[in-house]
Amino acid sequence: MKAEEIFQTYKDNIMPTYNKVPLIFVKGKGSKLWDINSKEYLDFFPGWGVGNLGHCPPKVMQGIRDQVGKLIFIPNNYYHPFQAKLAKELIYHSFPGKVFFANSGAEANEGAIKLARKFGQGRYEIITFENAFHGRTLAALAATGQKKYQEGFQPIPDGFKQVKFNDIAAVTQAISDKTVAIMLELVQGEGGINVASKDFVLFLRKICAEKKLLLIIDEVQTGIGRTGKMFCYQHYGIAPDIMTLAKSLGGGLPISAMIAKKEISDILSPGMHASTFGGGPVICKAALGVFRAMDKENILINCKNMGSYLKDQLDILKNKYPVIKEVRGMGLMLGVELAIEGKQVVDKCIERGLLINCTHEKVLRLMPALNISKSQIDKALRILSSVLEECAK
């Protein structure tokens, strides 16, 4: 199909649920993408964090090739070895508990909400935070602290209280005898790369323990190394009661996981929750390839080093261009808050072969693959610098 035919076919046959960029990609390798016209792009925002290892990572592709000709699907009332191996890998890298497999971050968060309500035995309210994003299904949407995503879908399910992020007093005031859990992202991705303070997280862990509340940490975007540790909560010296994962777990294929600590992991008994395609053989083999790459290729070390380098260089740009108000984030999950609309910056970067993202209208998001090289960062910075110089005039 030619480009115009593809665009028209989308228009005629696919629901318009995305703000689409008129690019048609046909090939990807590492941090590079090629469009239908063979133009090369440097990808600094691979799928909202799906591509932590870049496009078509070798160990993931090997796992897919090994499995795809043997067994693609088996329902979850049977066993298969790769789901067992992946669950064991997740628990080894996180905390003692058990895993439920699904397909998306929203689905993992729905599972966490159901588990929390079942645990509550009548308590059902969950405290979440302004500017949070937990997914597009109705309960996950109700947990999301951004009204713009909820418009048109009322009535939204009740049982959620949104309070100010990093505000201890607001959390304390919101807790009632109906409260069963507190749910948060440690770095709010869609919310503008807002980082939870250590004092705030330590308070949440303490208050949850004291009042027998569950601490649910949404690591859909931060998980699997994005912030320089395997999971973001490890920066804070605490462990959650429930953690949700998705995006980068499958190396490009759809999988999510909800991990619950041992004490509560058997609350959802047979028949209470399910996911038809969750944790199938091919996707589990791909996810095991992700962990092999993380373990064998010094991915976390590179993330820490390149994250520090990228942030330092962005701070230099901040000093050079007053249009940059703030640079913030952790590891290779960085936000650049601008004094101008970010869309023009994103569009001009794309024209020059650099793919980035803007959220909250003025926050550029840079989330390159964790195996990004210094030379690729330098190339991205040259493009971004030239665009900022042009836009700042």
Protein backbone atom coordinates (compact mmCIF):
# COMPACT_ATOMS: atom_id res chain seq x y z
CA MET A 1 0.00 0.00 0.00
CA LYS A 2 1.16 3.53 -0.76
CA ALA A 3 1.15 6.25 1.88
CA GLU A 4 -2.03 8.01 0.78
CA GLU A 5 -3.90 4.70 0.56
CA ILE A 6 -2.80 3.81 4.09
CA PHE A 7 -3.93 7.18 5.47
CA GLN A 8 -7.31 6.86 3.72
CA THR A 9 -7.79 3.27 4.89
CA TYR A 10 -7.22 4.36 8.47
CA LYS A 11 -9.72 7.18 8.03
CA ASP A 12 -12.34 4.83 6.55
CA ASN A 13 -11.87 1.78 8.78
CA ILE A 14 -10.22 2.62 12.12
CA MET A 15 -11.79 4.53 14.99
CA PRO A 16 -10.16 7.97 15.48
CA THR A 17 -9.11 7.43 19.10
CA TYR A 18 -5.54 8.72 18.68
CA ASN A 19 -4.02 12.04 17.68
CA LYS A 20 -1.94 10.56 14.91
CA VAL A 21 1.32 11.86 13.48
CA PRO A 22 1.47 11.38 9.68
CA LEU A 23 4.38 8.94 9.78
CA ILE A 24 4.29 5.36 8.51
CA PHE A 25 7.01 3.19 10.02
CA VAL A 26 8.07 -0.09 8.45
CA LYS A 27 11.27 -1.09 10.26
CA GLY A 28 12.95 -0.62 13.63
CA LYS A 29 16.22 -1.66 15.21
CA GLY A 30 17.49 -0.46 18.57
CA SER A 31 16.80 3.26 18.85
CA LYS A 32 16.32 3.75 15.11
CA LEU A 33 13.14 3.68 13.04
CA TRP A 34 12.68 3.88 9.27
CA ASP A 35 9.55 5.18 7.58
CA ILE A 36 7.91 4.10 4.34
CA ASN A 37 10.20 6.48 2.44
CA SER A 38 13.34 4.99 4.08
CA LYS A 39 13.93 8.11 6.17
CA GLU A 40 15.73 7.30 9.43
CA TYR A 41 14.56 8.58 12.83
CA LEU A 42 16.12 8.52 16.28
CA ASP A 43 13.45 7.31 18.71
CA PHE A 44 13.60 9.04 22.10
CA PHE A 45 10.07 8.05 23.08
CA PRO A 46 9.59 4.39 22.11
CA GLY A 47 5.93 3.64 22.78
CA TRP A 48 5.43 5.48 26.09
CA GLY A 49 8.19 3.32 27.58
CA VAL A 50 7.37 0.03 25.84
CA GLY A 51 10.77 0.00 24.15
CA ASN A 52 13.11 -0.04 27.14
CA LEU A 53 15.44 -2.22 25.05
CA GLY A 54 14.69 -0.44 21.78
CA HIS A 55 13.02 -1.95 18.74
CA CYS A 56 13.31 -5.68 18.04
CA PRO A 57 15.81 -6.45 20.84
CA PRO A 58 17.76 -9.61 19.93
CA LYS A 59 17.09 -11.63 23.09
CA VAL A 60 13.37 -10.89 22.88
CA MET A 61 13.25 -11.78 19.19
CA GLN A 62 15.11 -15.01 19.89
CA GLY A 63 12.54 -15.99 22.51
CA ILE A 64 9.66 -15.25 20.11
CA ARG A 65 11.23 -17.23 17.27
CA ASP A 66 11.95 -20.19 19.55
CA GLN A 67 8.35 -20.39 20.74
CA VAL A 68 6.12 -19.25 17.90
CA GLY A 69 6.34 -22.52 15.98
CA LYS A 70 5.72 -24.69 19.04
CA LEU A 71 2.77 -23.33 21.01
CA ILE A 72 1.18 -19.89 20.68
CA PHE A 73 -1.77 -20.11 23.06
CA ILE A 74 -2.84 -22.24 26.01
CA PRO A 75 -5.70 -21.23 28.33
CA ASN A 76 -4.93 -20.42 31.94
CA ASN A 77 -6.67 -23.49 33.33
CA TYR A 78 -3.58 -25.40 32.14
CA TYR A 79 0.10 -24.94 32.94
CA HIS A 80 3.04 -23.97 30.76
CA PRO A 81 6.69 -23.62 31.81
CA PHE A 82 7.37 -20.07 30.64
CA GLN A 83 4.64 -18.48 32.74
CA ALA A 84 6.11 -20.26 35.74
CA LYS A 85 9.62 -19.08 34.86
CA LEU A 86 8.51 -15.49 34.30
CA ALA A 87 6.60 -15.34 37.59
CA LYS A 88 9.66 -16.66 39.40
CA GLU A 89 11.83 -14.04 37.68
CA LEU A 90 9.49 -11.21 38.66
CA ILE A 91 9.35 -12.29 42.31
CA TYR A 92 13.13 -12.72 42.41
CA HIS A 93 13.65 -9.14 41.25
CA SER A 94 10.89 -7.57 43.38
CA PHE A 95 9.42 -8.82 46.68
CA PRO A 96 7.93 -12.07 48.09
CA GLY A 97 4.48 -12.49 46.60
CA LYS A 98 2.51 -13.94 43.72
CA VAL A 99 1.78 -12.74 40.18
CA PHE A 100 -1.36 -12.31 38.09
CA PHE A 101 -0.73 -11.92 34.35
CA ALA A 102 -2.82 -9.77 32.00
CA ASN A 103 -2.30 -7.75 28.81
CA SER A 104 -2.18 -4.02 29.58
CA GLY A 105 -1.46 -1.55 32.35
CA ALA A 106 -5.13 -0.69 32.72
CA GLU A 107 -5.94 -4.37 33.13
CA ALA A 108 -3.24 -4.80 35.77
CA ASN A 109 -4.57 -1.77 37.65
CA GLU A 110 -8.13 -3.08 37.44
CA GLY A 111 -6.88 -6.29 39.05
CA ALA A 112 -5.20 -4.32 41.81
CA ILE A 113 -8.40 -2.37 42.47
CA LYS A 114 -10.45 -5.58 42.66
CA LEU A 115 -7.92 -7.21 44.98
CA ALA A 116 -7.90 -4.15 47.25
CA ARG A 117 -11.71 -4.08 47.47
CA LYS A 118 -11.86 -7.80 48.22
CA PHE A 119 -9.22 -7.30 50.91
CA GLY A 120 -11.23 -4.43 52.38
CA GLN A 121 -14.28 -6.50 53.36
CA GLY A 122 -16.51 -3.45 53.11
CA ARG A 123 -13.82 -0.81 52.92
CA TYR A 124 -13.57 0.21 49.29
CA GLU A 125 -12.21 3.74 48.85
CA ILE A 126 -8.82 4.20 47.24
CA ILE A 127 -6.85 7.44 47.54
CA THR A 128 -5.14 8.47 44.31
CA PHE A 129 -3.46 11.70 43.21
CA GLU A 130 -3.98 14.74 41.03
CA ASN A 131 -2.29 14.37 37.64
CA ALA A 132 -2.10 10.59 38.05
CA PHE A 133 -2.80 8.29 35.10
CA HIS A 134 -3.82 4.67 35.69
CA GLY A 135 -5.53 3.62 32.46
CA ARG A 136 -8.57 4.00 30.20
CA THR A 137 -10.97 1.35 31.53
CA LEU A 138 -13.68 2.74 33.79
CA ALA A 139 -12.26 1.93 37.22
CA ALA A 140 -8.72 2.84 36.14
CA LEU A 141 -10.14 6.04 34.66
CA ALA A 142 -11.86 6.82 37.96
CA ALA A 143 -8.50 6.38 39.69
CA THR A 144 -6.87 8.74 37.19
CA GLY A 145 -6.46 12.24 38.59
CA GLN A 146 -7.05 14.12 35.33
CA LYS A 147 -10.60 15.25 34.59
CA LYS A 148 -9.95 15.63 30.87
CA TYR A 149 -9.77 11.85 30.47
CA GLN A 150 -13.06 11.36 32.31
CA GLU A 151 -15.15 13.87 30.34
CA GLY A 152 -18.01 12.22 28.47
CA PHE A 153 -17.89 8.95 30.41
CA GLN A 154 -19.92 9.89 33.46
CA PRO A 155 -21.05 8.52 35.76
CA ILE A 156 -17.55 7.43 36.70
CA PRO A 157 -17.41 4.57 39.25
CA ASP A 158 -17.18 5.91 42.77
CA GLY A 159 -14.78 4.87 45.49
CA PHE A 160 -11.81 7.05 44.56
CA LYS A 161 -10.51 10.22 46.20
CA GLN A 162 -7.96 12.37 44.39
CA VAL A 163 -5.66 14.52 46.51
CA LYS A 164 -2.62 16.68 45.85
CA PHE A 165 0.57 14.81 44.98
CA ASN A 166 3.42 15.00 47.52
CA ASP A 167 1.04 16.47 50.12
CA ILE A 168 1.12 14.55 53.40
CA ALA A 169 -1.60 16.67 55.03
CA ALA A 170 -3.98 16.06 52.11
CA VAL A 171 -3.55 12.30 52.38
CA THR A 172 -4.04 12.34 56.14
CA GLN A 173 -7.25 14.32 55.78
CA ALA A 174 -8.60 12.03 53.04
CA ILE A 175 -8.28 8.77 55.00
CA SER A 176 -11.59 7.57 56.45
CA ASP A 177 -13.07 4.36 57.80
CA LYS A 178 -13.94 3.47 54.17
CA THR A 179 -10.34 3.75 52.94
CA VAL A 180 -8.71 0.50 51.85
CA ALA A 181 -5.68 1.58 49.79
CA ILE A 182 -3.46 4.35 48.47
CA MET A 183 -2.45 4.10 44.81
CA LEU A 184 0.25 6.12 43.08
CA GLU A 185 2.90 6.40 40.42
CA LEU A 186 6.28 7.31 41.89
CA VAL A 187 7.00 9.29 38.73
CA GLN A 188 3.84 10.61 37.12
CA GLY A 189 4.44 10.09 33.41
CA GLU A 190 1.29 11.43 31.76
CA GLY A 191 1.06 13.95 34.60
CA GLY A 192 4.24 15.76 33.54
CA ILE A 193 7.16 13.73 34.99
CA ASN A 194 6.39 14.66 38.61
CA VAL A 195 8.61 12.76 41.06
CA ALA A 196 7.39 11.62 44.48
CA SER A 197 9.56 12.91 47.32
CA LYS A 198 11.22 10.36 49.59
CA ASP A 199 9.58 11.79 52.71
CA PHE A 200 6.18 11.50 51.06
CA VAL A 201 6.67 7.87 50.05
CA LEU A 202 8.02 6.91 53.47
CA PHE A 203 4.98 8.55 55.04
CA LEU A 204 2.64 6.60 52.75
CA ARG A 205 4.33 3.32 53.62
CA LYS A 206 4.10 4.11 57.34
CA ILE A 207 0.47 5.24 57.34
CA CYS A 208 -0.60 2.22 55.28
CA ALA A 209 1.04 -0.12 57.78
CA GLU A 210 -0.50 1.68 60.75
CA LYS A 211 -4.04 1.78 59.36
CA LYS A 212 -3.97 -1.59 57.56
CA LEU A 213 -4.25 0.00 54.12
CA LEU A 214 -2.71 -1.41 50.97
CA LEU A 215 0.01 0.58 49.22
CA ILE A 216 -0.45 0.07 45.46
CA ILE A 217 2.41 1.30 43.28
CA ASP A 218 1.71 1.67 39.57
CA GLU A 219 5.00 0.92 37.78
CA VAL A 220 3.46 0.55 34.34
CA GLN A 221 5.85 3.18 32.96
CA THR A 222 8.64 3.17 35.56
CA GLY A 223 9.11 -0.59 35.85
CA ILE A 224 11.82 -2.78 34.31
CA GLY A 225 14.73 -0.39 34.72
CA ARG A 226 13.36 2.92 33.45
CA THR A 227 14.52 4.93 36.48
CA GLY A 228 17.90 3.22 36.94
CA LYS A 229 16.72 0.41 39.22
CA MET A 230 14.65 -2.58 38.19
CA PHE A 231 11.63 -1.01 39.90
CA CYS A 232 11.24 2.61 40.94
CA TYR A 233 10.08 1.80 44.48
CA GLN A 234 13.60 0.45 45.16
CA HIS A 235 14.91 4.02 45.17
CA TYR A 236 12.83 4.70 48.28
CA GLY A 237 13.83 1.80 50.52
CA ILE A 238 10.28 0.46 50.79
CA ALA A 239 8.20 -2.29 49.23
CA PRO A 240 4.58 -2.00 48.07
CA ASP A 241 1.75 -4.34 48.94
CA ILE A 242 0.74 -4.47 45.29
CA MET A 243 2.73 -3.44 42.21
CA THR A 244 1.48 -3.23 38.63
CA LEU A 245 3.65 -3.57 35.52
CA ALA A 246 3.12 -3.48 31.76
CA LYS A 247 4.66 -1.57 28.82
CA SER A 248 8.34 -2.65 28.73
CA LEU A 249 7.77 -6.06 30.33
CA GLY A 250 7.16 -7.76 26.99
CA GLY A 251 9.91 -6.05 25.00
CA GLY A 252 7.32 -4.84 22.49
CA LEU A 253 4.59 -7.45 22.90
CA PRO A 254 1.53 -6.92 25.14
CA ILE A 255 1.77 -8.25 28.68
CA SER A 256 1.11 -6.87 32.15
CA ALA A 257 1.46 -8.18 35.67
CA MET A 258 0.02 -7.49 39.08
CA ILE A 259 2.27 -8.62 41.94
CA ALA A 260 0.76 -8.89 45.42
CA LYS A 261 2.65 -9.63 48.61
CA LYS A 262 2.31 -13.13 50.08
CA GLU A 263 -0.11 -12.16 52.84
CA ILE A 264 -2.81 -11.04 50.39
CA SER A 265 -1.95 -12.94 47.22
CA ASP A 266 -4.55 -15.69 47.65
CA ILE A 267 -7.53 -13.38 48.28
CA LEU A 268 -8.64 -13.64 44.65
CA SER A 269 -9.62 -17.30 44.47
CA PRO A 270 -10.64 -19.26 41.32
CA GLY A 271 -13.47 -17.60 39.42
CA MET A 272 -13.01 -14.12 40.93
CA HIS A 273 -10.69 -12.72 38.28
CA ALA A 274 -9.25 -13.78 34.92
CA SER A 275 -7.57 -12.68 31.70
CA THR A 276 -7.97 -14.97 28.68
CA PHE A 277 -4.70 -14.09 26.96
CA GLY A 278 -2.73 -13.14 30.08
CA GLY A 279 0.69 -14.75 30.29
CA GLY A 280 0.61 -16.85 27.10
CA PRO A 281 3.63 -18.91 25.95
CA VAL A 282 4.97 -16.55 23.26
CA ILE A 283 4.70 -13.39 25.32
CA CYS A 284 6.21 -15.01 28.42
CA LYS A 285 9.14 -16.22 26.34
CA ALA A 286 9.57 -12.66 25.04
CA ALA A 287 9.46 -11.23 28.58
CA LEU A 288 12.06 -13.75 29.73
CA GLY A 289 14.23 -12.37 26.92
CA VAL A 290 13.80 -8.91 28.46
CA PHE A 291 15.17 -10.16 31.78
CA ARG A 292 18.05 -11.96 30.05
CA ALA A 293 19.00 -8.72 28.35
CA MET A 294 18.69 -6.74 31.58
CA ASP A 295 20.94 -9.22 33.38
CA LYS A 296 23.53 -9.79 30.65
CA GLU A 297 23.89 -6.41 28.94
CA ASN A 298 24.50 -4.04 31.88
CA ILE A 299 21.26 -2.23 31.07
CA LEU A 300 20.75 -0.71 34.53
CA ILE A 301 24.32 0.62 34.64
CA ASN A 302 23.90 2.20 31.23
CA CYS A 303 20.57 3.71 32.27
CA LYS A 304 22.13 5.32 35.33
CA ASN A 305 25.14 6.64 33.40
CA MET A 306 23.26 7.85 30.35
CA GLY A 307 20.42 9.22 32.49
CA SER A 308 22.87 11.36 34.45
CA TYR A 309 24.59 12.46 31.25
CA LEU A 310 21.33 13.37 29.52
CA LYS A 311 20.03 15.31 32.51
CA ASP A 312 23.33 17.22 32.83
CA GLN A 313 23.21 18.15 29.16
CA LEU A 314 19.57 19.22 29.42
CA ASP A 315 20.51 21.43 32.37
CA ILE A 316 23.14 23.03 30.15
CA LEU A 317 20.42 23.69 27.56
CA LYS A 318 18.27 25.16 30.34
CA ASN A 319 21.00 27.68 31.12
CA LYS A 320 21.30 28.48 27.43
CA TYR A 321 17.60 28.79 26.60
CA PRO A 322 15.35 30.63 29.10
CA VAL A 323 12.39 28.95 27.39
CA ILE A 324 13.23 25.88 29.51
CA LYS A 325 11.71 26.31 32.97
CA GLU A 326 12.75 23.03 34.61
CA VAL A 327 14.36 19.66 33.93
CA ARG A 328 13.19 16.81 36.18
CA GLY A 329 12.86 13.05 36.38
CA MET A 330 14.78 9.90 37.26
CA GLY A 331 17.07 7.70 35.18
CA LEU A 332 16.01 7.85 31.56
CA MET A 333 12.54 9.19 32.33
CA LEU A 334 13.04 12.93 31.98
CA GLY A 335 10.73 15.89 31.53
CA VAL A 336 11.64 19.31 30.16
CA GLU A 337 9.06 21.90 31.18
CA LEU A 338 8.83 24.79 28.76
CA ALA A 339 7.49 28.32 28.95
CA ILE A 340 5.92 27.81 25.51
CA GLU A 341 3.64 25.22 23.94
CA GLY A 342 5.55 22.00 23.38
CA LYS A 343 3.79 20.82 20.23
CA GLN A 344 5.79 23.12 17.97
CA VAL A 345 9.02 21.76 19.46
CA VAL A 346 7.90 18.14 18.99
CA ASP A 347 6.82 18.76 15.39
CA LYS A 348 10.10 20.44 14.43
CA CYS A 349 12.11 17.66 16.11
CA ILE A 350 10.17 15.07 14.11
CA GLU A 351 10.89 16.99 10.89
CA ARG A 352 14.61 16.72 11.74
CA GLY A 353 14.46 13.02 12.57
CA LEU A 354 14.00 12.99 16.35
CA LEU A 355 10.92 11.43 17.96
CA ILE A 356 9.94 12.89 21.34
CA ASN A 357 6.65 13.55 23.15
CA CYS A 358 4.87 16.38 24.91
CA THR A 359 2.45 16.00 27.82
CA HIS A 360 0.48 18.61 29.76
CA GLU A 361 0.98 20.91 26.76
CA LYS A 362 4.38 22.21 27.91
CA VAL A 363 6.39 19.23 29.22
CA LEU A 364 8.64 17.47 26.73
CA ARG A 365 9.16 13.80 27.59
CA LEU A 366 12.45 12.11 26.77
CA MET A 367 12.38 8.37 27.46
CA PRO A 368 14.93 6.71 25.15
CA ALA A 369 15.79 3.03 25.27
CA LEU A 370 17.86 2.10 28.31
CA ASN A 371 20.69 0.89 26.06
CA ILE A 372 20.95 4.27 24.33
CA SER A 373 24.50 5.37 23.50
CA LYS A 374 26.24 8.64 24.30
CA SER A 375 26.60 9.42 20.60
CA GLN A 376 22.86 8.97 20.09
CA ILE A 377 22.13 11.27 23.03
CA ASP A 378 24.48 13.86 21.57
CA LYS A 379 22.70 13.66 18.22
CA ALA A 380 19.31 14.09 19.89
CA LEU A 381 20.57 17.06 21.88
CA ARG A 382 21.91 18.76 18.77
CA ILE A 383 18.50 18.47 17.12
CA LEU A 384 16.65 19.61 20.25
CA SER A 385 19.03 22.55 20.73
CA SER A 386 18.55 23.73 17.17
CA VAL A 387 14.77 23.52 17.52
CA LEU A 388 14.73 25.36 20.85
CA GLU A 389 16.90 28.12 19.41
CA GLU A 390 14.42 28.51 16.57
CA CYS A 391 11.29 28.34 18.75
CA ALA A 392 12.65 30.71 21.38
CA LYS A 393 12.99 33.60 18.92
